[in-house]
Amino acid sequence: MILLQSGVDLTTIQSWLGHASVNTTHQYVEADLEMKRRALEKCKMTEAELVTYQPTDKVLELLEAL
């Protein structure tokens, strides 16, 4: 994840790890919330403002009950 977050592309990581297929490498890679936030910031949001989700008390109660 550190390589990916630093901007190293997935095929380069594939080569360093010795994977025959980029699909194998992709199994180990999942974008974290910070990467998703940065990607959204790169998009021009003309009609909608980027809002961070804030769960309601009901949602929090449901999750705590699990």
PDB file of N, CA and C in Angstrom:
ATOM      1  N   MET A   1       0.829  -1.190   0.000  1.00  0.00           N
ATOM      2  CA  MET A   1       0.000   0.000   0.000  1.00  0.00           C
ATOM      3  C   MET A   1       0.871   1.250   0.000  1.00  0.00           C
ATOM      4  N   ILE A   2       1.999   1.220   0.678  1.00  0.00           N
ATOM      5  CA  ILE A   2       2.855   2.407   0.724  1.00  0.00           C
ATOM      6  C   ILE A   2       3.358   2.752  -0.671  1.00  0.00           C
ATOM      7  N   LEU A   3       3.762   1.742  -1.437  1.00  0.00           N
ATOM      8  CA  LEU A   3       4.207   2.000  -2.807  1.00  0.00           C
ATOM      9  C   LEU A   3       3.081   2.598  -3.638  1.00  0.00           C
ATOM     10  N   LEU A   4       1.909   2.017  -3.548  1.00  0.00           N
ATOM     11  CA  LEU A   4       0.762   2.496  -4.314  1.00  0.00           C
ATOM     12  C   LEU A   4       0.406   3.922  -3.907  1.00  0.00           C
ATOM     13  N   GLN A   5       0.401   4.202  -2.619  1.00  0.00           N
ATOM     14  CA  GLN A   5       0.081   5.543  -2.137  1.00  0.00           C
ATOM     15  C   GLN A   5       1.152   6.556  -2.533  1.00  0.00           C
ATOM     16  N   SER A   6       2.368   6.073  -2.770  1.00  0.00           N
ATOM     17  CA  SER A   6       3.451   6.968  -3.183  1.00  0.00           C
ATOM     18  C   SER A   6       3.417   7.252  -4.674  1.00  0.00           C
ATOM     19  N   GLY A   7       2.495   6.602  -5.380  1.00  0.00           N
ATOM     20  CA  GLY A   7       2.357   6.865  -6.815  1.00  0.00           C
ATOM     21  C   GLY A   7       2.975   5.819  -7.717  1.00  0.00           C
ATOM     22  N   VAL A   8       3.493   4.735  -7.154  1.00  0.00           N
ATOM     23  CA  VAL A   8       4.050   3.661  -7.975  1.00  0.00           C
ATOM     24  C   VAL A   8       2.889   2.899  -8.606  1.00  0.00           C
ATOM     25  N   ASP A   9       2.971   2.691  -9.928  1.00  0.00           N
ATOM     26  CA  ASP A   9       1.856   2.017 -10.593  1.00  0.00           C
ATOM     27  C   ASP A   9       1.862   0.520 -10.302  1.00  0.00           C
ATOM     28  N   LEU A  10       0.695  -0.078 -10.471  1.00  0.00           N
ATOM     29  CA  LEU A  10       0.478  -1.477 -10.093  1.00  0.00           C
ATOM     30  C   LEU A  10       1.358  -2.439 -10.895  1.00  0.00           C
ATOM     31  N   THR A  11       1.625  -2.145 -12.165  1.00  0.00           N
ATOM     32  CA  THR A  11       2.465  -3.055 -12.961  1.00  0.00           C
ATOM     33  C   THR A  11       3.907  -3.046 -12.483  1.00  0.00           C
ATOM     34  N   THR A  12       4.388  -1.914 -11.988  1.00  0.00           N
ATOM     35  CA  THR A  12       5.743  -1.867 -11.420  1.00  0.00           C
ATOM     36  C   THR A  12       5.798  -2.692 -10.144  1.00  0.00           C
ATOM     37  N   ILE A  13       4.792  -2.563  -9.307  1.00  0.00           N
ATOM     38  CA  ILE A  13       4.722  -3.364  -8.081  1.00  0.00           C
ATOM     39  C   ILE A  13       4.653  -4.841  -8.433  1.00  0.00           C
ATOM     40  N   GLN A  14       3.891  -5.174  -9.481  1.00  0.00           N
ATOM     41  CA  GLN A  14       3.796  -6.564  -9.953  1.00  0.00           C
ATOM     42  C   GLN A  14       5.175  -7.106 -10.294  1.00  0.00           C
ATOM     43  N   SER A  15       5.977  -6.312 -11.004  1.00  0.00           N
ATOM     44  CA  SER A  15       7.317  -6.746 -11.391  1.00  0.00           C
ATOM     45  C   SER A  15       8.211  -6.946 -10.174  1.00  0.00           C
ATOM     46  N   TRP A  16       8.156  -6.012  -9.228  1.00  0.00           N
ATOM     47  CA  TRP A  16       8.991  -6.114  -8.038  1.00  0.00           C
ATOM     48  C   TRP A  16       8.642  -7.347  -7.216  1.00  0.00           C
ATOM     49  N   LEU A  17       7.341  -7.693  -7.195  1.00  0.00           N
ATOM     50  CA  LEU A  17       6.920  -8.861  -6.415  1.00  0.00           C
ATOM     51  C   LEU A  17       7.077 -10.173  -7.180  1.00  0.00           C
ATOM     52  N   GLY A  18       7.333 -10.085  -8.489  1.00  0.00           N
ATOM     53  CA  GLY A  18       7.521 -11.287  -9.297  1.00  0.00           C
ATOM     54  C   GLY A  18       6.235 -11.992  -9.655  1.00  0.00           C
ATOM     55  N   HIS A  19       5.121 -11.279  -9.659  1.00  0.00           N
ATOM     56  CA  HIS A  19       3.849 -11.885 -10.024  1.00  0.00           C
ATOM     57  C   HIS A  19       3.747 -12.016 -11.542  1.00  0.00           C
ATOM     58  N   ALA A  20       3.227 -13.147 -12.009  1.00  0.00           N
ATOM     59  CA  ALA A  20       3.069 -13.379 -13.446  1.00  0.00           C
ATOM     60  C   ALA A  20       1.940 -12.528 -14.017  1.00  0.00           C
ATOM     61  N   SER A  21       0.959 -12.202 -13.199  1.00  0.00           N
ATOM     62  CA  SER A  21      -0.198 -11.447 -13.657  1.00  0.00           C
ATOM     63  C   SER A  21      -0.474 -10.291 -12.713  1.00  0.00           C
ATOM     64  N   VAL A  22      -0.886  -9.151 -13.285  1.00  0.00           N
ATOM     65  CA  VAL A  22      -1.245  -8.005 -12.459  1.00  0.00           C
ATOM     66  C   VAL A  22      -2.486  -8.327 -11.627  1.00  0.00           C
ATOM     67  N   ASN A  23      -3.293  -9.295 -12.069  1.00  0.00           N
ATOM     68  CA  ASN A  23      -4.471  -9.706 -11.299  1.00  0.00           C
ATOM     69  C   ASN A  23      -4.064 -10.291  -9.946  1.00  0.00           C
ATOM     70  N   THR A  24      -2.945 -10.990  -9.922  1.00  0.00           N
ATOM     71  CA  THR A  24      -2.442 -11.536  -8.662  1.00  0.00           C
ATOM     72  C   THR A  24      -2.067 -10.403  -7.714  1.00  0.00           C
ATOM     73  N   THR A  25      -1.379  -9.402  -8.242  1.00  0.00           N
ATOM     74  CA  THR A  25      -0.972  -8.253  -7.430  1.00  0.00           C
ATOM     75  C   THR A  25      -2.193  -7.509  -6.924  1.00  0.00           C
ATOM     76  N   HIS A  26      -3.189  -7.379  -7.787  1.00  0.00           N
ATOM     77  CA  HIS A  26      -4.382  -6.620  -7.428  1.00  0.00           C
ATOM     78  C   HIS A  26      -5.117  -7.233  -6.237  1.00  0.00           C
ATOM     79  N   GLN A  27      -4.989  -8.537  -6.041  1.00  0.00           N
ATOM     80  CA  GLN A  27      -5.644  -9.188  -4.905  1.00  0.00           C
ATOM     81  C   GLN A  27      -5.126  -8.638  -3.576  1.00  0.00           C
ATOM     82  N   TYR A  28      -3.903  -8.139  -3.576  1.00  0.00           N
ATOM     83  CA  TYR A  28      -3.297  -7.626  -2.346  1.00  0.00           C
ATOM     84  C   TYR A  28      -3.500  -6.130  -2.167  1.00  0.00           C
ATOM     85  N   VAL A  29      -4.094  -5.501  -3.158  1.00  0.00           N
ATOM     86  CA  VAL A  29      -4.209  -4.044  -3.150  1.00  0.00           C
ATOM     87  C   VAL A  29      -5.661  -3.633  -3.013  1.00  0.00           C
ATOM     88  N   GLU A  30      -5.921  -2.777  -2.053  1.00  0.00           N
ATOM     89  CA  GLU A  30      -7.257  -2.220  -1.902  1.00  0.00           C
ATOM     90  C   GLU A  30      -7.078  -0.769  -1.477  1.00  0.00           C
ATOM     91  N   ALA A  31      -7.701   0.138  -2.199  1.00  0.00           N
ATOM     92  CA  ALA A  31      -7.548   1.557  -1.890  1.00  0.00           C
ATOM     93  C   ALA A  31      -8.114   1.860  -0.513  1.00  0.00           C
ATOM     94  N   ASP A  32      -7.360   2.591   0.276  1.00  0.00           N
ATOM     95  CA  ASP A  32      -7.864   2.980   1.584  1.00  0.00           C
ATOM     96  C   ASP A  32      -8.645   4.292   1.457  1.00  0.00           C
ATOM     97  N   LEU A  33      -9.258   4.728   2.528  1.00  0.00           N
ATOM     98  CA  LEU A  33     -10.101   5.918   2.501  1.00  0.00           C
ATOM     99  C   LEU A  33      -9.327   7.168   2.099  1.00  0.00           C
ATOM    100  N   GLU A  34      -8.082   7.274   2.522  1.00  0.00           N
ATOM    101  CA  GLU A  34      -7.277   8.447   2.169  1.00  0.00           C
ATOM    102  C   GLU A  34      -7.048   8.511   0.659  1.00  0.00           C
ATOM    103  N   MET A  35      -6.760   7.364   0.032  1.00  0.00           N
ATOM    104  CA  MET A  35      -6.570   7.341  -1.420  1.00  0.00           C
ATOM    105  C   MET A  35      -7.859   7.714  -2.138  1.00  0.00           C
ATOM    106  N   LYS A  36      -8.976   7.231  -1.647  1.00  0.00           N
ATOM    107  CA  LYS A  36     -10.262   7.557  -2.264  1.00  0.00           C
ATOM    108  C   LYS A  36     -10.559   9.041  -2.137  1.00  0.00           C
ATOM    109  N   ARG A  37     -10.243   9.630  -0.970  1.00  0.00           N
ATOM    110  CA  ARG A  37     -10.484  11.052  -0.760  1.00  0.00           C
ATOM    111  C   ARG A  37      -9.649  11.888  -1.723  1.00  0.00           C
ATOM    112  N   ARG A  38      -8.364  11.518  -1.874  1.00  0.00           N
ATOM    113  CA  ARG A  38      -7.492  12.265  -2.794  1.00  0.00           C
ATOM    114  C   ARG A  38      -7.970  12.141  -4.231  1.00  0.00           C
ATOM    115  N   ALA A  39      -8.461  10.962  -4.603  1.00  0.00           N
ATOM    116  CA  ALA A  39      -8.969  10.781  -5.964  1.00  0.00           C
ATOM    117  C   ALA A  39     -10.184  11.659  -6.202  1.00  0.00           C
ATOM    118  N   LEU A  40     -11.074  11.747  -5.227  1.00  0.00           N
ATOM    119  CA  LEU A  40     -12.254  12.600  -5.366  1.00  0.00           C
ATOM    120  C   LEU A  40     -11.877  14.070  -5.436  1.00  0.00           C
ATOM    121  N   GLU A  41     -10.831  14.454  -4.713  1.00  0.00           N
ATOM    122  CA  GLU A  41     -10.390  15.844  -4.748  1.00  0.00           C
ATOM    123  C   GLU A  41      -9.869  16.232  -6.127  1.00  0.00           C
ATOM    124  N   LYS A  42      -9.349  15.258  -6.884  1.00  0.00           N
ATOM    125  CA  LYS A  42      -8.840  15.535  -8.223  1.00  0.00           C
ATOM    126  C   LYS A  42      -9.967  15.763  -9.225  1.00  0.00           C
ATOM    127  N   CYS A  43     -11.151  15.280  -8.899  1.00  0.00           N
ATOM    128  CA  CYS A  43     -12.303  15.453  -9.783  1.00  0.00           C
ATOM    129  C   CYS A  43     -12.886  16.845  -9.564  1.00  0.00           C
ATOM    130  N   LYS A  44     -13.317  17.452 -10.641  1.00  0.00           N
ATOM    131  CA  LYS A  44     -13.967  18.752 -10.494  1.00  0.00           C
ATOM    132  C   LYS A  44     -15.417  18.514 -10.123  1.00  0.00           C
ATOM    133  N   MET A  45     -15.790  18.981  -8.971  1.00  0.00           N
ATOM    134  CA  MET A  45     -17.153  18.840  -8.478  1.00  0.00           C
ATOM    135  C   MET A  45     -17.872  20.162  -8.731  1.00  0.00           C
ATOM    136  N   THR A  46     -18.570  20.268  -9.837  1.00  0.00           N
ATOM    137  CA  THR A  46     -19.197  21.541 -10.176  1.00  0.00           C
ATOM    138  C   THR A  46     -20.585  21.682  -9.582  1.00  0.00           C
ATOM    139  N   GLU A  47     -21.339  20.597  -9.510  1.00  0.00           N
ATOM    140  CA  GLU A  47     -22.720  20.690  -9.055  1.00  0.00           C
ATOM    141  C   GLU A  47     -22.919  20.247  -7.619  1.00  0.00           C
ATOM    142  N   ALA A  48     -22.024  19.447  -7.134  1.00  0.00           N
ATOM    143  CA  ALA A  48     -22.205  18.909  -5.785  1.00  0.00           C
ATOM    144  C   ALA A  48     -20.941  19.160  -4.970  1.00  0.00           C
ATOM    145  N   GLU A  49     -21.126  19.345  -3.717  1.00  0.00           N
ATOM    146  CA  GLU A  49     -20.012  19.559  -2.808  1.00  0.00           C
ATOM    147  C   GLU A  49     -19.664  18.232  -2.149  1.00  0.00           C
ATOM    148  N   LEU A  50     -18.383  17.970  -1.983  1.00  0.00           N
ATOM    149  CA  LEU A  50     -17.922  16.750  -1.329  1.00  0.00           C
ATOM    150  C   LEU A  50     -18.237  16.833   0.158  1.00  0.00           C
ATOM    151  N   VAL A  51     -19.013  15.872   0.659  1.00  0.00           N
ATOM    152  CA  VAL A  51     -19.442  15.881   2.052  1.00  0.00           C
ATOM    153  C   VAL A  51     -19.023  14.565   2.697  1.00  0.00           C
ATOM    154  N   THR A  52     -18.433  14.651   3.861  1.00  0.00           N
ATOM    155  CA  THR A  52     -18.073  13.459   4.617  1.00  0.00           C
ATOM    156  C   THR A  52     -19.315  12.916   5.315  1.00  0.00           C
ATOM    157  N   TYR A  53     -19.542  11.609   5.185  1.00  0.00           N
ATOM    158  CA  TYR A  53     -20.720  10.975   5.774  1.00  0.00           C
ATOM    159  C   TYR A  53     -20.654  11.022   7.291  1.00  0.00           C
ATOM    160  N   GLN A  54     -21.739  11.448   7.899  1.00  0.00           N
ATOM    161  CA  GLN A  54     -21.875  11.461   9.350  1.00  0.00           C
ATOM    162  C   GLN A  54     -23.078  10.593   9.718  1.00  0.00           C
ATOM    163  N   PRO A  55     -22.842   9.424  10.314  1.00  0.00           N
ATOM    164  CA  PRO A  55     -23.955   8.548  10.641  1.00  0.00           C
ATOM    165  C   PRO A  55     -24.879   9.152  11.691  1.00  0.00           C
ATOM    166  N   THR A  56     -26.134   8.809  11.576  1.00  0.00           N
ATOM    167  CA  THR A  56     -27.118   9.278  12.557  1.00  0.00           C
ATOM    168  C   THR A  56     -26.988   8.456  13.841  1.00  0.00           C
ATOM    169  N   ASP A  57     -27.628   8.932  14.893  1.00  0.00           N
ATOM    170  CA  ASP A  57     -27.603   8.188  16.157  1.00  0.00           C
ATOM    171  C   ASP A  57     -28.207   6.802  15.992  1.00  0.00           C
ATOM    172  N   LYS A  58     -29.237   6.686  15.150  1.00  0.00           N
ATOM    173  CA  LYS A  58     -29.873   5.375  14.930  1.00  0.00           C
ATOM    174  C   LYS A  58     -28.879   4.398  14.298  1.00  0.00           C
ATOM    175  N   VAL A  59     -28.112   4.872  13.341  1.00  0.00           N
ATOM    176  CA  VAL A  59     -27.127   4.002  12.697  1.00  0.00           C
ATOM    177  C   VAL A  59     -26.078   3.581  13.697  1.00  0.00           C
ATOM    178  N   LEU A  60     -25.586   4.506  14.488  1.00  0.00           N
ATOM    179  CA  LEU A  60     -24.588   4.196  15.504  1.00  0.00           C
ATOM    180  C   LEU A  60     -25.123   3.196  16.532  1.00  0.00           C
ATOM    181  N   GLU A  61     -26.380   3.376  16.942  1.00  0.00           N
ATOM    182  CA  GLU A  61     -26.997   2.431  17.878  1.00  0.00           C
ATOM    183  C   GLU A  61     -27.076   1.036  17.278  1.00  0.00           C
ATOM    184  N   LEU A  62     -27.450   0.973  15.999  1.00  0.00           N
ATOM    185  CA  LEU A  62     -27.541  -0.325  15.320  1.00  0.00           C
ATOM    186  C   LEU A  62     -26.179  -0.998  15.289  1.00  0.00           C
ATOM    187  N   LEU A  63     -25.131  -0.241  14.919  1.00  0.00           N
ATOM    188  CA  LEU A  63     -23.795  -0.812  14.852  1.00  0.00           C
ATOM    189  C   LEU A  63     -23.292  -1.247  16.221  1.00  0.00           C
ATOM    190  N   GLU A  64     -23.591  -0.484  17.239  1.00  0.00           N
ATOM    191  CA  GLU A  64     -23.159  -0.873  18.588  1.00  0.00           C
ATOM    192  C   GLU A  64     -23.881  -2.130  19.071  1.00  0.00           C
ATOM    193  N   ALA A  65     -25.087  -2.364  18.564  1.00  0.00           N
ATOM    194  CA  ALA A  65     -25.858  -3.528  18.988  1.00  0.00           C
ATOM    195  C   ALA A  65     -25.369  -4.820  18.319  1.00  0.00           C
ATOM    196  N   LEU A  66     -24.568  -4.686  17.268  1.00  0.00           N
ATOM    197  CA  LEU A  66     -24.092  -5.883  16.552  1.00  0.00           C
ATOM    198  C   LEU A  66     -23.103  -6.677  17.326  1.00  0.00           C
TER     199      LEU A  66
END
